[in-house]
Amino acid sequence: MISRITYAIDQVSKSIGHAFSWCGLMLVLGTCYEVVVRYVFNDPTAWAFDLSYLMYGALFFMAGAYTLSRGGHVRADMFYRLWPERVQASVELVLFIVFFFPGITALLIAGWGYGTESLRIREVSVNSPAGIPIWPMKMMIPVCGALMLLQGFAEVLRCIQCLKQGSWPSRLHDVEELEAQLLEEAARKRAAGQGAS
């Protein structure tokens, strides 16, 4: 049962993360277009700055739960990786309860007020004459908080499962850290070298 719930939440985070990853492509294309028209044709756009922070903001907010679902957030793990898996799960469980949930709940509550006020006044950007609406991005703050809370719940279930079984349950894998690929390749080469000698 825990595995099915965790898997379903991971799938939600994956779908949203993949959908908003296209913001990165739009950001690159918009920036390249702006550079060409600004420096080649001496005709800068009125919307390039707004596009860059709106796309980056959307990508940043909406990829948080996806990154958490992959264990991809920054962590100082020079000691953590040496601990037994049950100790890792115990520490993570405490940290989620003491720091993660209160912090994300505060983000959700403050973000809701911030976003709804922006929506109420139909806030637009003051950085360009184009008047691009920025209230949709500000409404993403509470959405981000809700998604992070949901994924945090899945991570707590993952910790509980590890405490029961003694090993971490598997995660969805659609991307892999380069470090993991390099370590795996080095291990294969060592094994091949030992087998040849």
C-alpha atoms as a PDB file:
ATOM      1  CA  MET A   1       0.000   0.000   0.000  1.00  0.00           C
ATOM      2  CA  ILE A   2       2.771   2.460   0.939  1.00  0.00           C
ATOM      3  CA  SER A   3       4.587   1.676  -2.311  1.00  0.00           C
ATOM      4  CA  ARG A   4       1.497   2.383  -4.404  1.00  0.00           C
ATOM      5  CA  ILE A   5       0.865   5.731  -2.693  1.00  0.00           C
ATOM      6  CA  THR A   6       4.525   6.740  -3.023  1.00  0.00           C
ATOM      7  CA  TYR A   7       4.565   5.672  -6.679  1.00  0.00           C
ATOM      8  CA  ALA A   8       1.381   7.651  -7.445  1.00  0.00           C
ATOM      9  CA  ILE A   9       2.767  10.810  -5.807  1.00  0.00           C
ATOM     10  CA  ASP A  10       6.084  10.339  -7.632  1.00  0.00           C
ATOM     11  CA  GLN A  11       4.161  10.068 -10.918  1.00  0.00           C
ATOM     12  CA  VAL A  12       2.343  13.350 -10.227  1.00  0.00           C
ATOM     13  CA  SER A  13       5.666  15.075  -9.475  1.00  0.00           C
ATOM     14  CA  LYS A  14       7.225  13.533 -12.584  1.00  0.00           C
ATOM     15  CA  SER A  15       4.384  14.662 -14.863  1.00  0.00           C
ATOM     16  CA  ILE A  16       4.458  18.239 -13.572  1.00  0.00           C
ATOM     17  CA  GLY A  17       8.269  18.359 -13.620  1.00  0.00           C
ATOM     18  CA  HIS A  18       8.386  17.110 -17.207  1.00  0.00           C
ATOM     19  CA  ALA A  19       5.673  19.539 -18.329  1.00  0.00           C
ATOM     20  CA  PHE A  20       7.441  22.540 -16.821  1.00  0.00           C
ATOM     21  CA  SER A  21      10.860  21.443 -18.095  1.00  0.00           C
ATOM     22  CA  TRP A  22       9.769  22.953 -21.412  1.00  0.00           C
ATOM     23  CA  CYS A  23      10.133  26.358 -19.726  1.00  0.00           C
ATOM     24  CA  GLY A  24      13.888  25.805 -19.991  1.00  0.00           C
ATOM     25  CA  LEU A  25      13.674  25.451 -23.771  1.00  0.00           C
ATOM     26  CA  MET A  26      11.441  28.542 -24.060  1.00  0.00           C
ATOM     27  CA  LEU A  27      13.909  30.444 -21.887  1.00  0.00           C
ATOM     28  CA  VAL A  28      16.844  29.484 -24.109  1.00  0.00           C
ATOM     29  CA  LEU A  29      14.996  30.270 -27.351  1.00  0.00           C
ATOM     30  CA  GLY A  30      13.704  33.605 -26.031  1.00  0.00           C
ATOM     31  CA  THR A  31      17.141  34.622 -24.782  1.00  0.00           C
ATOM     32  CA  CYS A  32      18.816  33.638 -28.060  1.00  0.00           C
ATOM     33  CA  TYR A  33      16.220  35.600 -30.016  1.00  0.00           C
ATOM     34  CA  GLU A  34      16.760  38.640 -27.785  1.00  0.00           C
ATOM     35  CA  VAL A  35      20.547  38.473 -28.185  1.00  0.00           C
ATOM     36  CA  VAL A  36      20.279  38.314 -31.982  1.00  0.00           C
ATOM     37  CA  VAL A  37      17.777  41.162 -32.357  1.00  0.00           C
ATOM     38  CA  ARG A  38      19.570  43.302 -29.756  1.00  0.00           C
ATOM     39  CA  TYR A  39      23.149  42.955 -30.987  1.00  0.00           C
ATOM     40  CA  VAL A  40      22.740  42.124 -34.682  1.00  0.00           C
ATOM     41  CA  PHE A  41      19.712  44.266 -35.574  1.00  0.00           C
ATOM     42  CA  ASN A  42      19.999  46.826 -32.745  1.00  0.00           C
ATOM     43  CA  ASP A  43      16.286  46.332 -32.005  1.00  0.00           C
ATOM     44  CA  PRO A  44      15.844  44.974 -28.447  1.00  0.00           C
ATOM     45  CA  THR A  45      12.508  43.534 -27.414  1.00  0.00           C
ATOM     46  CA  ALA A  46      10.334  44.906 -24.636  1.00  0.00           C
ATOM     47  CA  TRP A  47       9.531  41.457 -23.237  1.00  0.00           C
ATOM     48  CA  ALA A  48      12.881  39.595 -22.986  1.00  0.00           C
ATOM     49  CA  PHE A  49      13.598  40.364 -19.332  1.00  0.00           C
ATOM     50  CA  ASP A  50      10.068  39.431 -18.289  1.00  0.00           C
ATOM     51  CA  LEU A  51      10.226  36.215 -20.289  1.00  0.00           C
ATOM     52  CA  SER A  52      13.485  35.212 -18.644  1.00  0.00           C
ATOM     53  CA  TYR A  53      12.341  35.624 -15.057  1.00  0.00           C
ATOM     54  CA  LEU A  54       8.847  34.235 -15.697  1.00  0.00           C
ATOM     55  CA  MET A  55      10.180  31.089 -17.391  1.00  0.00           C
ATOM     56  CA  TYR A  56      12.946  30.592 -14.851  1.00  0.00           C
ATOM     57  CA  GLY A  57      10.551  31.234 -11.981  1.00  0.00           C
ATOM     58  CA  ALA A  58       8.008  28.749 -13.335  1.00  0.00           C
ATOM     59  CA  LEU A  59      10.721  26.152 -13.872  1.00  0.00           C
ATOM     60  CA  PHE A  60      12.161  26.728 -10.404  1.00  0.00           C
ATOM     61  CA  PHE A  61       8.816  26.576  -8.595  1.00  0.00           C
ATOM     62  CA  MET A  62       7.287  23.666 -10.434  1.00  0.00           C
ATOM     63  CA  ALA A  63      10.375  21.441 -10.561  1.00  0.00           C
ATOM     64  CA  GLY A  64      10.884  21.416  -6.786  1.00  0.00           C
ATOM     65  CA  ALA A  65       8.651  18.410  -6.070  1.00  0.00           C
ATOM     66  CA  TYR A  66      10.067  16.546  -9.071  1.00  0.00           C
ATOM     67  CA  THR A  67      13.612  17.135  -7.820  1.00  0.00           C
ATOM     68  CA  LEU A  68      12.633  15.996  -4.329  1.00  0.00           C
ATOM     69  CA  SER A  69      11.088  12.832  -5.771  1.00  0.00           C
ATOM     70  CA  ARG A  70      14.437  11.998  -7.387  1.00  0.00           C
ATOM     71  CA  GLY A  71      16.501  12.787  -4.279  1.00  0.00           C
ATOM     72  CA  GLY A  72      18.124  15.578  -6.261  1.00  0.00           C
ATOM     73  CA  HIS A  73      18.126  18.483  -3.816  1.00  0.00           C
ATOM     74  CA  VAL A  74      21.475  19.598  -2.463  1.00  0.00           C
ATOM     75  CA  ARG A  75      22.545  17.792   0.675  1.00  0.00           C
ATOM     76  CA  ALA A  76      25.759  17.710   2.666  1.00  0.00           C
ATOM     77  CA  ASP A  77      26.118  13.950   2.615  1.00  0.00           C
ATOM     78  CA  MET A  78      29.790  13.359   3.445  1.00  0.00           C
ATOM     79  CA  PHE A  79      28.676  11.560   6.635  1.00  0.00           C
ATOM     80  CA  TYR A  80      25.148  10.592   5.593  1.00  0.00           C
ATOM     81  CA  ARG A  81      26.281   8.249   2.817  1.00  0.00           C
ATOM     82  CA  LEU A  82      28.425   6.272   5.296  1.00  0.00           C
ATOM     83  CA  TRP A  83      25.546   5.582   7.707  1.00  0.00           C
ATOM     84  CA  PRO A  84      23.418   2.413   7.605  1.00  0.00           C
ATOM     85  CA  GLU A  85      20.214   2.905   5.650  1.00  0.00           C
ATOM     86  CA  ARG A  86      17.982   2.693   8.729  1.00  0.00           C
ATOM     87  CA  VAL A  87      19.989   5.501  10.366  1.00  0.00           C
ATOM     88  CA  GLN A  88      19.677   7.546   7.172  1.00  0.00           C
ATOM     89  CA  ALA A  89      15.904   7.019   7.173  1.00  0.00           C
ATOM     90  CA  SER A  90      15.640   7.947  10.866  1.00  0.00           C
ATOM     91  CA  VAL A  91      17.566  11.185  10.373  1.00  0.00           C
ATOM     92  CA  GLU A  92      15.583  12.087   7.255  1.00  0.00           C
ATOM     93  CA  LEU A  93      12.295  11.415   9.008  1.00  0.00           C
ATOM     94  CA  VAL A  94      13.226  13.731  11.874  1.00  0.00           C
ATOM     95  CA  LEU A  95      14.441  16.432   9.468  1.00  0.00           C
ATOM     96  CA  PHE A  96      11.252  16.247   7.416  1.00  0.00           C
ATOM     97  CA  ILE A  97       9.101  16.633  10.529  1.00  0.00           C
ATOM     98  CA  VAL A  98      11.186  19.320  12.250  1.00  0.00           C
ATOM     99  CA  PHE A  99      12.273  21.468   9.290  1.00  0.00           C
ATOM    100  CA  PHE A 100      10.710  20.522   5.947  1.00  0.00           C
ATOM    101  CA  PHE A 101       7.000  20.461   6.807  1.00  0.00           C
ATOM    102  CA  PRO A 102       7.002  23.683   8.889  1.00  0.00           C
ATOM    103  CA  GLY A 103       9.060  25.513   6.235  1.00  0.00           C
ATOM    104  CA  ILE A 104       6.948  24.380   3.304  1.00  0.00           C
ATOM    105  CA  THR A 105       3.730  25.079   5.232  1.00  0.00           C
ATOM    106  CA  ALA A 106       4.975  28.629   5.817  1.00  0.00           C
ATOM    107  CA  LEU A 107       5.748  28.923   2.081  1.00  0.00           C
ATOM    108  CA  LEU A 108       2.260  27.706   1.255  1.00  0.00           C
ATOM    109  CA  ILE A 109       0.509  30.101   3.649  1.00  0.00           C
ATOM    110  CA  ALA A 110       2.611  33.170   2.776  1.00  0.00           C
ATOM    111  CA  GLY A 111       2.564  32.277  -0.929  1.00  0.00           C
ATOM    112  CA  TRP A 112      -1.215  32.014  -0.909  1.00  0.00           C
ATOM    113  CA  GLY A 113      -1.566  35.554   0.433  1.00  0.00           C
ATOM    114  CA  TYR A 114       1.081  36.876  -1.940  1.00  0.00           C
ATOM    115  CA  GLY A 115      -0.384  35.105  -4.967  1.00  0.00           C
ATOM    116  CA  THR A 116      -4.029  35.928  -4.321  1.00  0.00           C
ATOM    117  CA  GLU A 117      -3.217  39.610  -3.776  1.00  0.00           C
ATOM    118  CA  SER A 118      -1.362  39.648  -7.094  1.00  0.00           C
ATOM    119  CA  LEU A 119      -4.321  37.927  -8.776  1.00  0.00           C
ATOM    120  CA  ARG A 120      -6.794  40.348  -7.172  1.00  0.00           C
ATOM    121  CA  ILE A 121      -5.049  43.392  -8.640  1.00  0.00           C
ATOM    122  CA  ARG A 122      -4.163  41.577 -11.896  1.00  0.00           C
ATOM    123  CA  GLU A 123      -0.517  42.527 -11.344  1.00  0.00           C
ATOM    124  CA  VAL A 124       1.639  43.185 -14.392  1.00  0.00           C
ATOM    125  CA  SER A 125       5.373  43.622 -14.746  1.00  0.00           C
ATOM    126  CA  VAL A 126       6.801  47.059 -14.085  1.00  0.00           C
ATOM    127  CA  ASN A 127      10.113  46.122 -15.713  1.00  0.00           C
ATOM    128  CA  SER A 128       8.980  46.650 -19.291  1.00  0.00           C
ATOM    129  CA  PRO A 129       6.401  48.671 -21.205  1.00  0.00           C
ATOM    130  CA  ALA A 130       4.812  45.435 -22.455  1.00  0.00           C
ATOM    131  CA  GLY A 131       2.814  45.082 -19.222  1.00  0.00           C
ATOM    132  CA  ILE A 132       3.188  41.307 -19.082  1.00  0.00           C
ATOM    133  CA  PRO A 133       0.977  39.698 -16.405  1.00  0.00           C
ATOM    134  CA  ILE A 134       3.013  38.286 -13.544  1.00  0.00           C
ATOM    135  CA  TRP A 135       0.177  37.167 -11.289  1.00  0.00           C
ATOM    136  CA  PRO A 136       0.199  33.633 -12.802  1.00  0.00           C
ATOM    137  CA  MET A 137       3.794  33.162 -11.659  1.00  0.00           C
ATOM    138  CA  LYS A 138       2.996  34.452  -8.176  1.00  0.00           C
ATOM    139  CA  MET A 139       0.066  32.031  -7.974  1.00  0.00           C
ATOM    140  CA  MET A 140       2.584  29.241  -8.604  1.00  0.00           C
ATOM    141  CA  ILE A 141       4.104  29.856  -5.165  1.00  0.00           C
ATOM    142  CA  PRO A 142       1.260  28.198  -3.209  1.00  0.00           C
ATOM    143  CA  VAL A 143       0.923  25.528  -5.889  1.00  0.00           C
ATOM    144  CA  CYS A 144       4.634  24.793  -5.463  1.00  0.00           C
ATOM    145  CA  GLY A 145       4.133  24.594  -1.697  1.00  0.00           C
ATOM    146  CA  ALA A 146       1.239  22.159  -2.071  1.00  0.00           C
ATOM    147  CA  LEU A 147       3.200  19.943  -4.456  1.00  0.00           C
ATOM    148  CA  MET A 148       6.231  19.994  -2.156  1.00  0.00           C
ATOM    149  CA  LEU A 149       4.028  19.006   0.816  1.00  0.00           C
ATOM    150  CA  LEU A 150       2.576  16.139  -1.199  1.00  0.00           C
ATOM    151  CA  GLN A 151       6.012  14.928  -2.263  1.00  0.00           C
ATOM    152  CA  GLY A 152       7.282  15.385   1.304  1.00  0.00           C
ATOM    153  CA  PHE A 153       4.531  13.015   2.432  1.00  0.00           C
ATOM    154  CA  ALA A 154       5.800  10.470  -0.118  1.00  0.00           C
ATOM    155  CA  GLU A 155       9.341  10.919   1.210  1.00  0.00           C
ATOM    156  CA  VAL A 156       8.138  10.293   4.778  1.00  0.00           C
ATOM    157  CA  LEU A 157       6.429   7.098   3.565  1.00  0.00           C
ATOM    158  CA  ARG A 158       9.714   6.153   1.891  1.00  0.00           C
ATOM    159  CA  CYS A 159      11.552   6.672   5.212  1.00  0.00           C
ATOM    160  CA  ILE A 160       8.995   4.528   7.066  1.00  0.00           C
ATOM    161  CA  GLN A 161       9.359   1.808   4.449  1.00  0.00           C
ATOM    162  CA  CYS A 162      13.146   1.908   4.832  1.00  0.00           C
ATOM    163  CA  LEU A 163      12.871   1.664   8.613  1.00  0.00           C
ATOM    164  CA  LYS A 164      10.651  -1.416   8.244  1.00  0.00           C
ATOM    165  CA  GLN A 165      12.611  -3.174   5.494  1.00  0.00           C
ATOM    166  CA  GLY A 166      16.156  -2.046   6.257  1.00  0.00           C
ATOM    167  CA  SER A 167      16.774  -0.685   2.756  1.00  0.00           C
ATOM    168  CA  TRP A 168      15.550   2.230   0.689  1.00  0.00           C
ATOM    169  CA  PRO A 169      12.673   1.485  -1.688  1.00  0.00           C
ATOM    170  CA  SER A 170      13.389   2.153  -5.331  1.00  0.00           C
ATOM    171  CA  ARG A 171      12.613   5.506  -6.931  1.00  0.00           C
ATOM    172  CA  LEU A 172      11.368   6.296 -10.404  1.00  0.00           C
ATOM    173  CA  HIS A 173      14.352   6.880 -12.637  1.00  0.00           C
ATOM    174  CA  ASP A 174      14.095   8.940 -15.767  1.00  0.00           C
ATOM    175  CA  VAL A 175      17.340  10.835 -15.263  1.00  0.00           C
ATOM    176  CA  GLU A 176      20.543   9.863 -13.548  1.00  0.00           C
ATOM    177  CA  GLU A 177      23.304  11.900 -12.018  1.00  0.00           C
ATOM    178  CA  LEU A 178      26.501  11.927 -14.063  1.00  0.00           C
ATOM    179  CA  GLU A 179      28.403  11.000 -10.909  1.00  0.00           C
ATOM    180  CA  ALA A 180      26.399   7.765 -10.595  1.00  0.00           C
ATOM    181  CA  GLN A 181      27.076   6.909 -14.234  1.00  0.00           C
ATOM    182  CA  LEU A 182      30.814   7.553 -13.838  1.00  0.00           C
ATOM    183  CA  LEU A 183      31.021   5.466 -10.647  1.00  0.00           C
ATOM    184  CA  GLU A 184      29.148   2.615 -12.309  1.00  0.00           C
ATOM    185  CA  GLU A 185      31.439   2.747 -15.341  1.00  0.00           C
ATOM    186  CA  ALA A 186      34.550   2.771 -13.112  1.00  0.00           C
ATOM    187  CA  ALA A 187      33.243  -0.265 -11.210  1.00  0.00           C
ATOM    188  CA  ARG A 188      32.667  -2.127 -14.493  1.00  0.00           C
ATOM    189  CA  LYS A 189      36.200  -1.308 -15.658  1.00  0.00           C
ATOM    190  CA  ARG A 190      37.659  -2.490 -12.336  1.00  0.00           C
ATOM    191  CA  ALA A 191      35.666  -5.718 -12.549  1.00  0.00           C
ATOM    192  CA  ALA A 192      36.770  -6.258 -16.163  1.00  0.00           C
ATOM    193  CA  GLY A 193      40.397  -5.544 -15.196  1.00  0.00           C
ATOM    194  CA  GLN A 194      40.269  -8.028 -12.289  1.00  0.00           C
ATOM    195  CA  GLY A 195      38.653 -10.667 -14.493  1.00  0.00           C
ATOM    196  CA  ALA A 196      41.393 -10.322 -17.110  1.00  0.00           C
ATOM    197  CA  SER A 197      44.269 -10.731 -14.594  1.00  0.00           C
END
